[in-house]
Amino acid sequence: MARSLSSQKRLRQSKVRAERNKAHKSQVKTAVRKVRDAIQHRDVETAEKALREASKLLDRNGNRKTIHPNVAARRKSRLAKRINELKAAAK
């Protein structure tokens, strides 16, 4: 157990931050899942709309270092690639 006042405070802060980060990561996962579901159902319009939302969340969390910025960029890129493949197949 933390003994000094400063270490006790750091423990409290880390618990709060861990909880906040967990919520943010969950939001990102939900947004990405919505994009993947729309792609799976071949709904281009919904997928593009969901990708815009997911991109915002990925960028925001990448900037906040909740997730690594390169992970955010990679996920955005892969989702966009799948949507573009879906558009090309539809034509």
PDB file of N, CA and C in Angstrom:
ATOM      1  N   MET A   1       0.841  -1.193   0.000  1.00  0.00           N
ATOM      2  CA  MET A   1       0.000   0.000   0.000  1.00  0.00           C
ATOM      3  C   MET A   1       0.872   1.237   0.000  1.00  0.00           C
ATOM      4  N   ALA A   2       0.391   2.283  -0.663  1.00  0.00           N
ATOM      5  CA  ALA A   2       1.122   3.534  -0.711  1.00  0.00           C
ATOM      6  C   ALA A   2       1.172   4.158   0.672  1.00  0.00           C
ATOM      7  N   ARG A   3       2.353   4.668   1.012  1.00  0.00           N
ATOM      8  CA  ARG A   3       2.521   5.219   2.351  1.00  0.00           C
ATOM      9  C   ARG A   3       2.527   6.747   2.360  1.00  0.00           C
ATOM     10  N   SER A   4       3.286   7.350   1.502  1.00  0.00           N
ATOM     11  CA  SER A   4       3.383   8.814   1.530  1.00  0.00           C
ATOM     12  C   SER A   4       2.124   9.427   0.915  1.00  0.00           C
ATOM     13  N   LEU A   5       1.892  10.678   1.253  1.00  0.00           N
ATOM     14  CA  LEU A   5       0.716  11.379   0.733  1.00  0.00           C
ATOM     15  C   LEU A   5       0.760  11.492  -0.786  1.00  0.00           C
ATOM     16  N   SER A   6       1.951  11.774  -1.309  1.00  0.00           N
ATOM     17  CA  SER A   6       2.062  11.941  -2.762  1.00  0.00           C
ATOM     18  C   SER A   6       1.805  10.622  -3.488  1.00  0.00           C
ATOM     19  N   SER A   7       2.271   9.515  -2.937  1.00  0.00           N
ATOM     20  CA  SER A   7       2.034   8.227  -3.595  1.00  0.00           C
ATOM     21  C   SER A   7       0.563   7.818  -3.483  1.00  0.00           C
ATOM     22  N   GLN A   8      -0.090   8.212  -2.401  1.00  0.00           N
ATOM     23  CA  GLN A   8      -1.520   7.938  -2.272  1.00  0.00           C
ATOM     24  C   GLN A   8      -2.309   8.714  -3.320  1.00  0.00           C
ATOM     25  N   LYS A   9      -1.902   9.973  -3.515  1.00  0.00           N
ATOM     26  CA  LYS A   9      -2.570  10.793  -4.516  1.00  0.00           C
ATOM     27  C   LYS A   9      -2.345  10.215  -5.907  1.00  0.00           C
ATOM     28  N   ARG A  10      -1.121   9.787  -6.212  1.00  0.00           N
ATOM     29  CA  ARG A  10      -0.827   9.200  -7.518  1.00  0.00           C
ATOM     30  C   ARG A  10      -1.682   7.958  -7.746  1.00  0.00           C
ATOM     31  N   LEU A  11      -1.899   7.185  -6.719  1.00  0.00           N
ATOM     32  CA  LEU A  11      -2.725   5.987  -6.824  1.00  0.00           C
ATOM     33  C   LEU A  11      -4.173   6.359  -7.154  1.00  0.00           C
ATOM     34  N   ARG A  12      -4.684   7.384  -6.474  1.00  0.00           N
ATOM     35  CA  ARG A  12      -6.043   7.848  -6.757  1.00  0.00           C
ATOM     36  C   ARG A  12      -6.151   8.348  -8.190  1.00  0.00           C
ATOM     37  N   GLN A  13      -5.174   9.133  -8.621  1.00  0.00           N
ATOM     38  CA  GLN A  13      -5.187   9.685  -9.972  1.00  0.00           C
ATOM     39  C   GLN A  13      -5.131   8.583 -11.026  1.00  0.00           C
ATOM     40  N   SER A  14      -4.281   7.594 -10.794  1.00  0.00           N
ATOM     41  CA  SER A  14      -4.140   6.530 -11.791  1.00  0.00           C
ATOM     42  C   SER A  14      -5.420   5.709 -11.906  1.00  0.00           C
ATOM     43  N   LYS A  15      -6.133   5.525 -10.804  1.00  0.00           N
ATOM     44  CA  LYS A  15      -7.408   4.802 -10.853  1.00  0.00           C
ATOM     45  C   LYS A  15      -8.441   5.572 -11.679  1.00  0.00           C
ATOM     46  N   VAL A  16      -8.509   6.874 -11.460  1.00  0.00           N
ATOM     47  CA  VAL A  16      -9.453   7.711 -12.205  1.00  0.00           C
ATOM     48  C   VAL A  16      -9.120   7.692 -13.691  1.00  0.00           C
ATOM     49  N   ARG A  17      -7.837   7.835 -14.011  1.00  0.00           N
ATOM     50  CA  ARG A  17      -7.410   7.858 -15.410  1.00  0.00           C
ATOM     51  C   ARG A  17      -7.636   6.513 -16.086  1.00  0.00           C
ATOM     52  N   ALA A  18      -7.382   5.437 -15.362  1.00  0.00           N
ATOM     53  CA  ALA A  18      -7.586   4.098 -15.936  1.00  0.00           C
ATOM     54  C   ALA A  18      -9.058   3.889 -16.271  1.00  0.00           C
ATOM     55  N   GLU A  19      -9.929   4.343 -15.400  1.00  0.00           N
ATOM     56  CA  GLU A  19     -11.366   4.215 -15.639  1.00  0.00           C
ATOM     57  C   GLU A  19     -11.795   5.040 -16.849  1.00  0.00           C
ATOM     58  N   ARG A  20     -11.261   6.260 -16.948  1.00  0.00           N
ATOM     59  CA  ARG A  20     -11.584   7.137 -18.062  1.00  0.00           C
ATOM     60  C   ARG A  20     -11.072   6.540 -19.381  1.00  0.00           C
ATOM     61  N   ASN A  21      -9.830   6.038 -19.363  1.00  0.00           N
ATOM     62  CA  ASN A  21      -9.261   5.438 -20.563  1.00  0.00           C
ATOM     63  C   ASN A  21     -10.053   4.216 -20.999  1.00  0.00           C
ATOM     64  N   LYS A  22     -10.525   3.448 -20.036  1.00  0.00           N
ATOM     65  CA  LYS A  22     -11.324   2.262 -20.341  1.00  0.00           C
ATOM     66  C   LYS A  22     -12.615   2.658 -21.064  1.00  0.00           C
ATOM     67  N   ALA A  23     -13.242   3.720 -20.606  1.00  0.00           N
ATOM     68  CA  ALA A  23     -14.478   4.198 -21.239  1.00  0.00           C
ATOM     69  C   ALA A  23     -14.208   4.694 -22.655  1.00  0.00           C
ATOM     70  N   HIS A  24     -13.117   5.426 -22.837  1.00  0.00           N
ATOM     71  CA  HIS A  24     -12.776   5.942 -24.164  1.00  0.00           C
ATOM     72  C   HIS A  24     -12.472   4.810 -25.136  1.00  0.00           C
ATOM     73  N   LYS A  25     -11.730   3.813 -24.669  1.00  0.00           N
ATOM     74  CA  LYS A  25     -11.409   2.671 -25.532  1.00  0.00           C
ATOM     75  C   LYS A  25     -12.665   1.922 -25.929  1.00  0.00           C
ATOM     76  N   SER A  26     -13.596   1.822 -25.011  1.00  0.00           N
ATOM     77  CA  SER A  26     -14.858   1.150 -25.296  1.00  0.00           C
ATOM     78  C   SER A  26     -15.639   1.903 -26.365  1.00  0.00           C
ATOM     79  N   GLN A  27     -15.649   3.232 -26.282  1.00  0.00           N
ATOM     80  CA  GLN A  27     -16.321   4.050 -27.294  1.00  0.00           C
ATOM     81  C   GLN A  27     -15.723   3.803 -28.676  1.00  0.00           C
ATOM     82  N   VAL A  28     -14.396   3.750 -28.736  1.00  0.00           N
ATOM     83  CA  VAL A  28     -13.703   3.529 -30.005  1.00  0.00           C
ATOM     84  C   VAL A  28     -14.070   2.162 -30.565  1.00  0.00           C
ATOM     85  N   LYS A  29     -14.039   1.156 -29.720  1.00  0.00           N
ATOM     86  CA  LYS A  29     -14.355  -0.202 -30.173  1.00  0.00           C
ATOM     87  C   LYS A  29     -15.780  -0.282 -30.716  1.00  0.00           C
ATOM     88  N   THR A  30     -16.713   0.382 -30.061  1.00  0.00           N
ATOM     89  CA  THR A  30     -18.099   0.379 -30.506  1.00  0.00           C
ATOM     90  C   THR A  30     -18.229   1.066 -31.862  1.00  0.00           C
ATOM     91  N   ALA A  31     -17.542   2.186 -32.033  1.00  0.00           N
ATOM     92  CA  ALA A  31     -17.609   2.922 -33.300  1.00  0.00           C
ATOM     93  C   ALA A  31     -17.028   2.090 -34.437  1.00  0.00           C
ATOM     94  N   VAL A  32     -15.906   1.440 -34.186  1.00  0.00           N
ATOM     95  CA  VAL A  32     -15.271   0.604 -35.213  1.00  0.00           C
ATOM     96  C   VAL A  32     -16.173  -0.582 -35.541  1.00  0.00           C
ATOM     97  N   ARG A  33     -16.819  -1.141 -34.536  1.00  0.00           N
ATOM     98  CA  ARG A  33     -17.723  -2.272 -34.766  1.00  0.00           C
ATOM     99  C   ARG A  33     -18.899  -1.865 -35.647  1.00  0.00           C
ATOM    100  N   LYS A  34     -19.407  -0.641 -35.464  1.00  0.00           N
ATOM    101  CA  LYS A  34     -20.508  -0.156 -36.297  1.00  0.00           C
ATOM    102  C   LYS A  34     -20.091  -0.060 -37.752  1.00  0.00           C
ATOM    103  N   VAL A  35     -18.866   0.391 -37.991  1.00  0.00           N
ATOM    104  CA  VAL A  35     -18.357   0.472 -39.368  1.00  0.00           C
ATOM    105  C   VAL A  35     -18.261  -0.920 -39.963  1.00  0.00           C
ATOM    106  N   ARG A  36     -17.682  -1.839 -39.217  1.00  0.00           N
ATOM    107  CA  ARG A  36     -17.515  -3.211 -39.714  1.00  0.00           C
ATOM    108  C   ARG A  36     -18.861  -3.874 -39.983  1.00  0.00           C
ATOM    109  N   ASP A  37     -19.835  -3.629 -39.129  1.00  0.00           N
ATOM    110  CA  ASP A  37     -21.170  -4.200 -39.349  1.00  0.00           C
ATOM    111  C   ASP A  37     -21.791  -3.648 -40.630  1.00  0.00           C
ATOM    112  N   ALA A  38     -21.645  -2.349 -40.846  1.00  0.00           N
ATOM    113  CA  ALA A  38     -22.196  -1.733 -42.058  1.00  0.00           C
ATOM    114  C   ALA A  38     -21.504  -2.284 -43.300  1.00  0.00           C
ATOM    115  N   ILE A  39     -20.202  -2.496 -43.220  1.00  0.00           N
ATOM    116  CA  ILE A  39     -19.465  -3.067 -44.345  1.00  0.00           C
ATOM    117  C   ILE A  39     -19.940  -4.495 -44.611  1.00  0.00           C
ATOM    118  N   GLN A  40     -20.125  -5.236 -43.549  1.00  0.00           N
ATOM    119  CA  GLN A  40     -20.566  -6.629 -43.677  1.00  0.00           C
ATOM    120  C   GLN A  40     -21.953  -6.721 -44.314  1.00  0.00           C
ATOM    121  N   HIS A  41     -22.806  -5.743 -44.022  1.00  0.00           N
ATOM    122  CA  HIS A  41     -24.148  -5.720 -44.594  1.00  0.00           C
ATOM    123  C   HIS A  41     -24.187  -5.006 -45.947  1.00  0.00           C
ATOM    124  N   ARG A  42     -23.023  -4.625 -46.445  1.00  0.00           N
ATOM    125  CA  ARG A  42     -22.874  -3.995 -47.765  1.00  0.00           C
ATOM    126  C   ARG A  42     -23.626  -2.666 -47.860  1.00  0.00           C
ATOM    127  N   ASP A  43     -23.702  -1.948 -46.758  1.00  0.00           N
ATOM    128  CA  ASP A  43     -24.384  -0.648 -46.720  1.00  0.00           C
ATOM    129  C   ASP A  43     -23.333   0.464 -46.765  1.00  0.00           C
ATOM    130  N   VAL A  44     -23.058   0.954 -47.968  1.00  0.00           N
ATOM    131  CA  VAL A  44     -21.971   1.917 -48.172  1.00  0.00           C
ATOM    132  C   VAL A  44     -22.251   3.236 -47.459  1.00  0.00           C
ATOM    133  N   GLU A  45     -23.476   3.733 -47.580  1.00  0.00           N
ATOM    134  CA  GLU A  45     -23.812   5.029 -46.998  1.00  0.00           C
ATOM    135  C   GLU A  45     -23.667   5.015 -45.476  1.00  0.00           C
ATOM    136  N   THR A  46     -24.214   3.995 -44.842  1.00  0.00           N
ATOM    137  CA  THR A  46     -24.102   3.880 -43.386  1.00  0.00           C
ATOM    138  C   THR A  46     -22.656   3.681 -42.967  1.00  0.00           C
ATOM    139  N   ALA A  47     -21.914   2.903 -43.751  1.00  0.00           N
ATOM    140  CA  ALA A  47     -20.508   2.648 -43.435  1.00  0.00           C
ATOM    141  C   ALA A  47     -19.696   3.938 -43.486  1.00  0.00           C
ATOM    142  N   GLU A  48     -19.946   4.770 -44.491  1.00  0.00           N
ATOM    143  CA  GLU A  48     -19.219   6.033 -44.587  1.00  0.00           C
ATOM    144  C   GLU A  48     -19.546   6.963 -43.428  1.00  0.00           C
ATOM    145  N   LYS A  49     -20.808   6.999 -43.055  1.00  0.00           N
ATOM    146  CA  LYS A  49     -21.217   7.842 -41.933  1.00  0.00           C
ATOM    147  C   LYS A  49     -20.575   7.343 -40.635  1.00  0.00           C
ATOM    148  N   ALA A  50     -20.585   6.031 -40.455  1.00  0.00           N
ATOM    149  CA  ALA A  50     -19.991   5.441 -39.259  1.00  0.00           C
ATOM    150  C   ALA A  50     -18.477   5.636 -39.259  1.00  0.00           C
ATOM    151  N   LEU A  51     -17.860   5.612 -40.439  1.00  0.00           N
ATOM    152  CA  LEU A  51     -16.414   5.818 -40.522  1.00  0.00           C
ATOM    153  C   LEU A  51     -16.039   7.233 -40.097  1.00  0.00           C
ATOM    154  N   ARG A  52     -16.843   8.208 -40.464  1.00  0.00           N
ATOM    155  CA  ARG A  52     -16.564   9.585 -40.033  1.00  0.00           C
ATOM    156  C   ARG A  52     -16.569   9.687 -38.511  1.00  0.00           C
ATOM    157  N   GLU A  53     -17.569   9.060 -37.877  1.00  0.00           N
ATOM    158  CA  GLU A  53     -17.632   9.078 -36.416  1.00  0.00           C
ATOM    159  C   GLU A  53     -16.447   8.341 -35.803  1.00  0.00           C
ATOM    160  N   ALA A  54     -16.152   7.178 -36.354  1.00  0.00           N
ATOM    161  CA  ALA A  54     -15.042   6.379 -35.826  1.00  0.00           C
ATOM    162  C   ALA A  54     -13.721   7.110 -36.000  1.00  0.00           C
ATOM    163  N   SER A  55     -13.550   7.794 -37.127  1.00  0.00           N
ATOM    164  CA  SER A  55     -12.313   8.534 -37.386  1.00  0.00           C
ATOM    165  C   SER A  55     -12.105   9.634 -36.355  1.00  0.00           C
ATOM    166  N   LYS A  56     -13.194  10.343 -36.031  1.00  0.00           N
ATOM    167  CA  LYS A  56     -13.098  11.387 -35.012  1.00  0.00           C
ATOM    168  C   LYS A  56     -12.619  10.807 -33.684  1.00  0.00           C
ATOM    169  N   LEU A  57     -13.255   9.708 -33.280  1.00  0.00           N
ATOM    170  CA  LEU A  57     -12.900   9.101 -31.998  1.00  0.00           C
ATOM    171  C   LEU A  57     -11.480   8.548 -32.020  1.00  0.00           C
ATOM    172  N   LEU A  58     -11.098   7.918 -33.122  1.00  0.00           N
ATOM    173  CA  LEU A  58      -9.745   7.375 -33.218  1.00  0.00           C
ATOM    174  C   LEU A  58      -8.706   8.491 -33.151  1.00  0.00           C
ATOM    175  N   ASP A  59      -8.948   9.579 -33.889  1.00  0.00           N
ATOM    176  CA  ASP A  59      -8.005  10.703 -33.852  1.00  0.00           C
ATOM    177  C   ASP A  59      -7.907  11.302 -32.453  1.00  0.00           C
ATOM    178  N   ARG A  60      -9.049  11.522 -31.846  1.00  0.00           N
ATOM    179  CA  ARG A  60      -9.069  12.138 -30.521  1.00  0.00           C
ATOM    180  C   ARG A  60      -8.321  11.281 -29.506  1.00  0.00           C
ATOM    181  N   ASN A  61      -8.581   9.982 -29.535  1.00  0.00           N
ATOM    182  CA  ASN A  61      -7.930   9.097 -28.572  1.00  0.00           C
ATOM    183  C   ASN A  61      -6.461   8.866 -28.910  1.00  0.00           C
ATOM    184  N   GLY A  62      -6.115   8.943 -30.178  1.00  0.00           N
ATOM    185  CA  GLY A  62      -4.706   8.872 -30.551  1.00  0.00           C
ATOM    186  C   GLY A  62      -3.945  10.093 -30.062  1.00  0.00           C
ATOM    187  N   ASN A  63      -4.559  11.250 -30.172  1.00  0.00           N
ATOM    188  CA  ASN A  63      -3.917  12.479 -29.696  1.00  0.00           C
ATOM    189  C   ASN A  63      -3.785  12.501 -28.175  1.00  0.00           C
ATOM    190  N   ARG A  64      -4.751  11.915 -27.495  1.00  0.00           N
ATOM    191  CA  ARG A  64      -4.715  11.880 -26.030  1.00  0.00           C
ATOM    192  C   ARG A  64      -3.829  10.759 -25.498  1.00  0.00           C
ATOM    193  N   LYS A  65      -3.308   9.940 -26.405  1.00  0.00           N
ATOM    194  CA  LYS A  65      -2.458   8.802 -26.065  1.00  0.00           C
ATOM    195  C   LYS A  65      -3.219   7.708 -25.313  1.00  0.00           C
ATOM    196  N   THR A  66      -4.555   7.696 -25.444  1.00  0.00           N
ATOM    197  CA  THR A  66      -5.334   6.594 -24.890  1.00  0.00           C
ATOM    198  C   THR A  66      -5.007   5.338 -25.666  1.00  0.00           C
ATOM    199  N   ILE A  67      -4.909   5.487 -26.992  1.00  0.00           N
ATOM    200  CA  ILE A  67      -4.373   4.437 -27.842  1.00  0.00           C
ATOM    201  C   ILE A  67      -3.195   5.046 -28.598  1.00  0.00           C
ATOM    202  N   HIS A  68      -2.320   4.216 -29.111  1.00  0.00           N
ATOM    203  CA  HIS A  68      -1.152   4.729 -29.816  1.00  0.00           C
ATOM    204  C   HIS A  68      -1.612   5.419 -31.108  1.00  0.00           C
ATOM    205  N   PRO A  69      -1.034   6.567 -31.436  1.00  0.00           N
ATOM    206  CA  PRO A  69      -1.459   7.284 -32.656  1.00  0.00           C
ATOM    207  C   PRO A  69      -1.338   6.446 -33.927  1.00  0.00           C
ATOM    208  N   ASN A  70      -0.322   5.597 -34.001  1.00  0.00           N
ATOM    209  CA  ASN A  70      -0.165   4.756 -35.192  1.00  0.00           C
ATOM    210  C   ASN A  70      -1.260   3.696 -35.270  1.00  0.00           C
ATOM    211  N   VAL A  71      -1.727   3.225 -34.141  1.00  0.00           N
ATOM    212  CA  VAL A  71      -2.830   2.262 -34.112  1.00  0.00           C
ATOM    213  C   VAL A  71      -4.093   2.924 -34.640  1.00  0.00           C
ATOM    214  N   ALA A  72      -4.322   4.167 -34.217  1.00  0.00           N
ATOM    215  CA  ALA A  72      -5.496   4.910 -34.680  1.00  0.00           C
ATOM    216  C   ALA A  72      -5.433   5.093 -36.192  1.00  0.00           C
ATOM    217  N   ALA A  73      -4.272   5.495 -36.700  1.00  0.00           N
ATOM    218  CA  ALA A  73      -4.111   5.715 -38.137  1.00  0.00           C
ATOM    219  C   ALA A  73      -4.300   4.414 -38.910  1.00  0.00           C
ATOM    220  N   ARG A  74      -3.756   3.328 -38.392  1.00  0.00           N
ATOM    221  CA  ARG A  74      -3.867   2.039 -39.075  1.00  0.00           C
ATOM    222  C   ARG A  74      -5.316   1.575 -39.148  1.00  0.00           C
ATOM    223  N   ARG A  75      -6.041   1.727 -38.071  1.00  0.00           N
ATOM    224  CA  ARG A  75      -7.448   1.307 -38.069  1.00  0.00           C
ATOM    225  C   ARG A  75      -8.272   2.134 -39.040  1.00  0.00           C
ATOM    226  N   LYS A  76      -8.049   3.444 -39.052  1.00  0.00           N
ATOM    227  CA  LYS A  76      -8.759   4.310 -39.994  1.00  0.00           C
ATOM    228  C   LYS A  76      -8.459   3.893 -41.425  1.00  0.00           C
ATOM    229  N   SER A  77      -7.204   3.644 -41.699  1.00  0.00           N
ATOM    230  CA  SER A  77      -6.784   3.280 -43.044  1.00  0.00           C
ATOM    231  C   SER A  77      -7.420   1.966 -43.489  1.00  0.00           C
ATOM    232  N   ARG A  78      -7.408   0.988 -42.629  1.00  0.00           N
ATOM    233  CA  ARG A  78      -7.961  -0.323 -42.986  1.00  0.00           C
ATOM    234  C   ARG A  78      -9.468  -0.267 -43.201  1.00  0.00           C
ATOM    235  N   LEU A  79     -10.156   0.504 -42.377  1.00  0.00           N
ATOM    236  CA  LEU A  79     -11.605   0.638 -42.552  1.00  0.00           C
ATOM    237  C   LEU A  79     -11.927   1.367 -43.853  1.00  0.00           C
ATOM    238  N   ALA A  80     -11.184   2.430 -44.133  1.00  0.00           N
ATOM    239  CA  ALA A  80     -11.403   3.183 -45.370  1.00  0.00           C
ATOM    240  C   ALA A  80     -11.125   2.303 -46.585  1.00  0.00           C
ATOM    241  N   LYS A  81     -10.098   1.489 -46.499  1.00  0.00           N
ATOM    242  CA  LYS A  81      -9.751   0.590 -47.597  1.00  0.00           C
ATOM    243  C   LYS A  81     -10.891  -0.386 -47.876  1.00  0.00           C
ATOM    244  N   ARG A  82     -11.459  -0.934 -46.814  1.00  0.00           N
ATOM    245  CA  ARG A  82     -12.568  -1.886 -46.982  1.00  0.00           C
ATOM    246  C   ARG A  82     -13.799  -1.203 -47.574  1.00  0.00           C
ATOM    247  N   ILE A  83     -14.060   0.039 -47.182  1.00  0.00           N
ATOM    248  CA  ILE A  83     -15.202   0.771 -47.742  1.00  0.00           C
ATOM    249  C   ILE A  83     -14.959   1.055 -49.220  1.00  0.00           C
ATOM    250  N   ASN A  84     -13.736   1.428 -49.563  1.00  0.00           N
ATOM    251  CA  ASN A  84     -13.421   1.682 -50.971  1.00  0.00           C
ATOM    252  C   ASN A  84     -13.540   0.421 -51.806  1.00  0.00           C
ATOM    253  N   GLU A  85     -13.157  -0.716 -51.262  1.00  0.00           N
ATOM    254  CA  GLU A  85     -13.318  -1.991 -51.971  1.00  0.00           C
ATOM    255  C   GLU A  85     -14.802  -2.284 -52.174  1.00  0.00           C
ATOM    256  N   LEU A  86     -15.611  -1.968 -51.170  1.00  0.00           N
ATOM    257  CA  LEU A  86     -17.047  -2.184 -51.257  1.00  0.00           C
ATOM    258  C   LEU A  86     -17.664  -1.301 -52.341  1.00  0.00           C
ATOM    259  N   LYS A  87     -17.212  -0.046 -52.410  1.00  0.00           N
ATOM    260  CA  LYS A  87     -17.695   0.869 -53.455  1.00  0.00           C
ATOM    261  C   LYS A  87     -17.318   0.367 -54.848  1.00  0.00           C
ATOM    262  N   ALA A  88     -16.074  -0.087 -54.985  1.00  0.00           N
ATOM    263  CA  ALA A  88     -15.599  -0.573 -56.281  1.00  0.00           C
ATOM    264  C   ALA A  88     -16.371  -1.804 -56.714  1.00  0.00           C
ATOM    265  N   ALA A  89     -16.699  -2.668 -55.788  1.00  0.00           N
ATOM    266  CA  ALA A  89     -17.447  -3.887 -56.114  1.00  0.00           C
ATOM    267  C   ALA A  89     -18.883  -3.560 -56.502  1.00  0.00           C
ATOM    268  N   ALA A  90     -19.420  -2.459 -55.946  1.00  0.00           N
ATOM    269  CA  ALA A  90     -20.798  -2.076 -56.224  1.00  0.00           C
ATOM    270  C   ALA A  90     -20.946  -1.511 -57.642  1.00  0.00           C
ATOM    271  N   LYS A  91     -19.866  -0.992 -58.191  1.00  0.00           N
ATOM    272  CA  LYS A  91     -19.953  -0.380 -59.534  1.00  0.00           C
ATOM    273  C   LYS A  91     -19.895  -1.393 -60.628  1.00  0.00           C
TER     274      LYS A  91
END
